[in-house]
Amino acid sequence: MKNVDIRKHMLVPEHSKLTKKEMQELLEKYNLSLNDLPKILLTDPAIEKLNAKEGDVIKIMRDSPTAGKAIYYRVVING
């Protein structure tokens, strides 16, 4: 069976890993800690090629009919 990259599917939103600086700026801007963010599993197929580690923050860009683009953040956990 051929390996399929699900990230290229039209229903999977764009995922990217924040740099340490971007992560710090996000947490400071909204006065958050990593524990305040929603979680995403390290084993999630959408982030498997991002070389993410536990504690990294993933930015998810979804198309929105009202806002154009909606941005969500998730912290990576090891389940």
C-alpha atoms as a PDB file:
ATOM      1  CA  MET A   1       0.000   0.000   0.000  1.00  0.00           C
ATOM      2  CA  LYS A   2       1.280   3.457  -0.918  1.00  0.00           C
ATOM      3  CA  ASN A   3       1.935   5.927   1.917  1.00  0.00           C
ATOM      4  CA  VAL A   4      -0.474   8.836   1.739  1.00  0.00           C
ATOM      5  CA  ASP A   5       0.372  12.289   3.071  1.00  0.00           C
ATOM      6  CA  ILE A   6      -2.901  13.322   4.721  1.00  0.00           C
ATOM      7  CA  ARG A   7      -1.632  16.886   5.129  1.00  0.00           C
ATOM      8  CA  LYS A   8      -2.272  17.416   1.432  1.00  0.00           C
ATOM      9  CA  HIS A   9      -5.951  16.490   1.719  1.00  0.00           C
ATOM     10  CA  MET A  10      -8.325  19.422   1.175  1.00  0.00           C
ATOM     11  CA  LEU A  11     -10.099  18.841   4.515  1.00  0.00           C
ATOM     12  CA  VAL A  12      -6.911  18.895   6.622  1.00  0.00           C
ATOM     13  CA  PRO A  13      -6.021  22.444   7.669  1.00  0.00           C
ATOM     14  CA  GLU A  14      -2.458  23.757   7.486  1.00  0.00           C
ATOM     15  CA  HIS A  15      -0.360  22.849  10.553  1.00  0.00           C
ATOM     16  CA  SER A  16       2.972  24.476  11.410  1.00  0.00           C
ATOM     17  CA  LYS A  17       5.265  24.401  14.424  1.00  0.00           C
ATOM     18  CA  LEU A  18       6.001  27.678  16.193  1.00  0.00           C
ATOM     19  CA  THR A  19       9.583  28.679  16.912  1.00  0.00           C
ATOM     20  CA  LYS A  20      10.567  29.134  20.554  1.00  0.00           C
ATOM     21  CA  LYS A  21      10.392  32.927  20.060  1.00  0.00           C
ATOM     22  CA  GLU A  22       6.920  32.768  18.459  1.00  0.00           C
ATOM     23  CA  MET A  23       5.738  30.479  21.251  1.00  0.00           C
ATOM     24  CA  GLN A  24       6.998  32.879  23.938  1.00  0.00           C
ATOM     25  CA  GLU A  25       5.366  35.865  22.198  1.00  0.00           C
ATOM     26  CA  LEU A  26       2.036  33.993  21.967  1.00  0.00           C
ATOM     27  CA  LEU A  27       2.071  33.049  25.647  1.00  0.00           C
ATOM     28  CA  GLU A  28       3.001  36.596  26.724  1.00  0.00           C
ATOM     29  CA  LYS A  29       0.459  38.273  24.417  1.00  0.00           C
ATOM     30  CA  TYR A  30      -2.455  36.297  25.854  1.00  0.00           C
ATOM     31  CA  ASN A  31      -1.010  35.831  29.360  1.00  0.00           C
ATOM     32  CA  LEU A  32      -1.113  32.025  29.039  1.00  0.00           C
ATOM     33  CA  SER A  33       0.923  29.034  30.086  1.00  0.00           C
ATOM     34  CA  LEU A  34       1.301  25.860  28.030  1.00  0.00           C
ATOM     35  CA  ASN A  35      -1.232  24.172  30.334  1.00  0.00           C
ATOM     36  CA  ASP A  36      -3.876  26.691  29.225  1.00  0.00           C
ATOM     37  CA  LEU A  37      -3.690  25.644  25.558  1.00  0.00           C
ATOM     38  CA  PRO A  38      -5.736  22.810  24.045  1.00  0.00           C
ATOM     39  CA  LYS A  39      -3.750  19.636  23.401  1.00  0.00           C
ATOM     40  CA  ILE A  40      -2.708  17.694  20.298  1.00  0.00           C
ATOM     41  CA  LEU A  41      -1.177  14.238  20.463  1.00  0.00           C
ATOM     42  CA  LEU A  42       2.390  13.694  19.311  1.00  0.00           C
ATOM     43  CA  THR A  43       1.042  10.790  17.256  1.00  0.00           C
ATOM     44  CA  ASP A  44      -1.479  12.948  15.343  1.00  0.00           C
ATOM     45  CA  PRO A  45      -0.908  12.243  11.616  1.00  0.00           C
ATOM     46  CA  ALA A  46      -1.266  15.952  10.743  1.00  0.00           C
ATOM     47  CA  ILE A  47       1.928  16.832  12.665  1.00  0.00           C
ATOM     48  CA  GLU A  48       4.032  13.711  12.129  1.00  0.00           C
ATOM     49  CA  LYS A  49       6.240  15.398   9.499  1.00  0.00           C
ATOM     50  CA  LEU A  50       6.752  18.587  11.560  1.00  0.00           C
ATOM     51  CA  ASN A  51       9.374  16.944  13.777  1.00  0.00           C
ATOM     52  CA  ALA A  52       7.383  18.114  16.799  1.00  0.00           C
ATOM     53  CA  LYS A  53       8.306  17.252  20.364  1.00  0.00           C
ATOM     54  CA  GLU A  54       6.308  17.270  23.564  1.00  0.00           C
ATOM     55  CA  GLY A  55       5.809  20.885  24.684  1.00  0.00           C
ATOM     56  CA  ASP A  56       5.966  22.370  21.171  1.00  0.00           C
ATOM     57  CA  VAL A  57       3.095  24.592  20.028  1.00  0.00           C
ATOM     58  CA  ILE A  58       1.331  23.892  16.736  1.00  0.00           C
ATOM     59  CA  LYS A  59      -0.428  26.641  14.782  1.00  0.00           C
ATOM     60  CA  ILE A  60      -3.467  25.471  12.803  1.00  0.00           C
ATOM     61  CA  MET A  61      -4.836  27.708  10.033  1.00  0.00           C
ATOM     62  CA  ARG A  62      -8.403  26.819   9.018  1.00  0.00           C
ATOM     63  CA  ASP A  63     -10.492  28.403   6.299  1.00  0.00           C
ATOM     64  CA  SER A  64     -13.450  30.242   7.784  1.00  0.00           C
ATOM     65  CA  PRO A  65     -16.507  31.465   5.872  1.00  0.00           C
ATOM     66  CA  THR A  66     -16.808  34.503   8.157  1.00  0.00           C
ATOM     67  CA  ALA A  67     -13.228  35.358   9.117  1.00  0.00           C
ATOM     68  CA  GLY A  68     -11.372  34.188   6.015  1.00  0.00           C
ATOM     69  CA  LYS A  69      -8.762  32.362   8.107  1.00  0.00           C
ATOM     70  CA  ALA A  70      -9.144  31.157  11.679  1.00  0.00           C
ATOM     71  CA  ILE A  71      -6.024  30.453  13.737  1.00  0.00           C
ATOM     72  CA  TYR A  72      -5.888  27.850  16.497  1.00  0.00           C
ATOM     73  CA  TYR A  73      -3.005  26.799  18.725  1.00  0.00           C
ATOM     74  CA  ARG A  74      -2.365  23.398  20.307  1.00  0.00           C
ATOM     75  CA  VAL A  75       0.392  22.177  22.629  1.00  0.00           C
ATOM     76  CA  VAL A  76       1.899  18.792  21.800  1.00  0.00           C
ATOM     77  CA  ILE A  77       1.505  16.075  24.427  1.00  0.00           C
ATOM     78  CA  ASN A  78       2.704  12.480  24.464  1.00  0.00           C
ATOM     79  CA  GLY A  79      -0.691  11.021  25.281  1.00  0.00           C
END
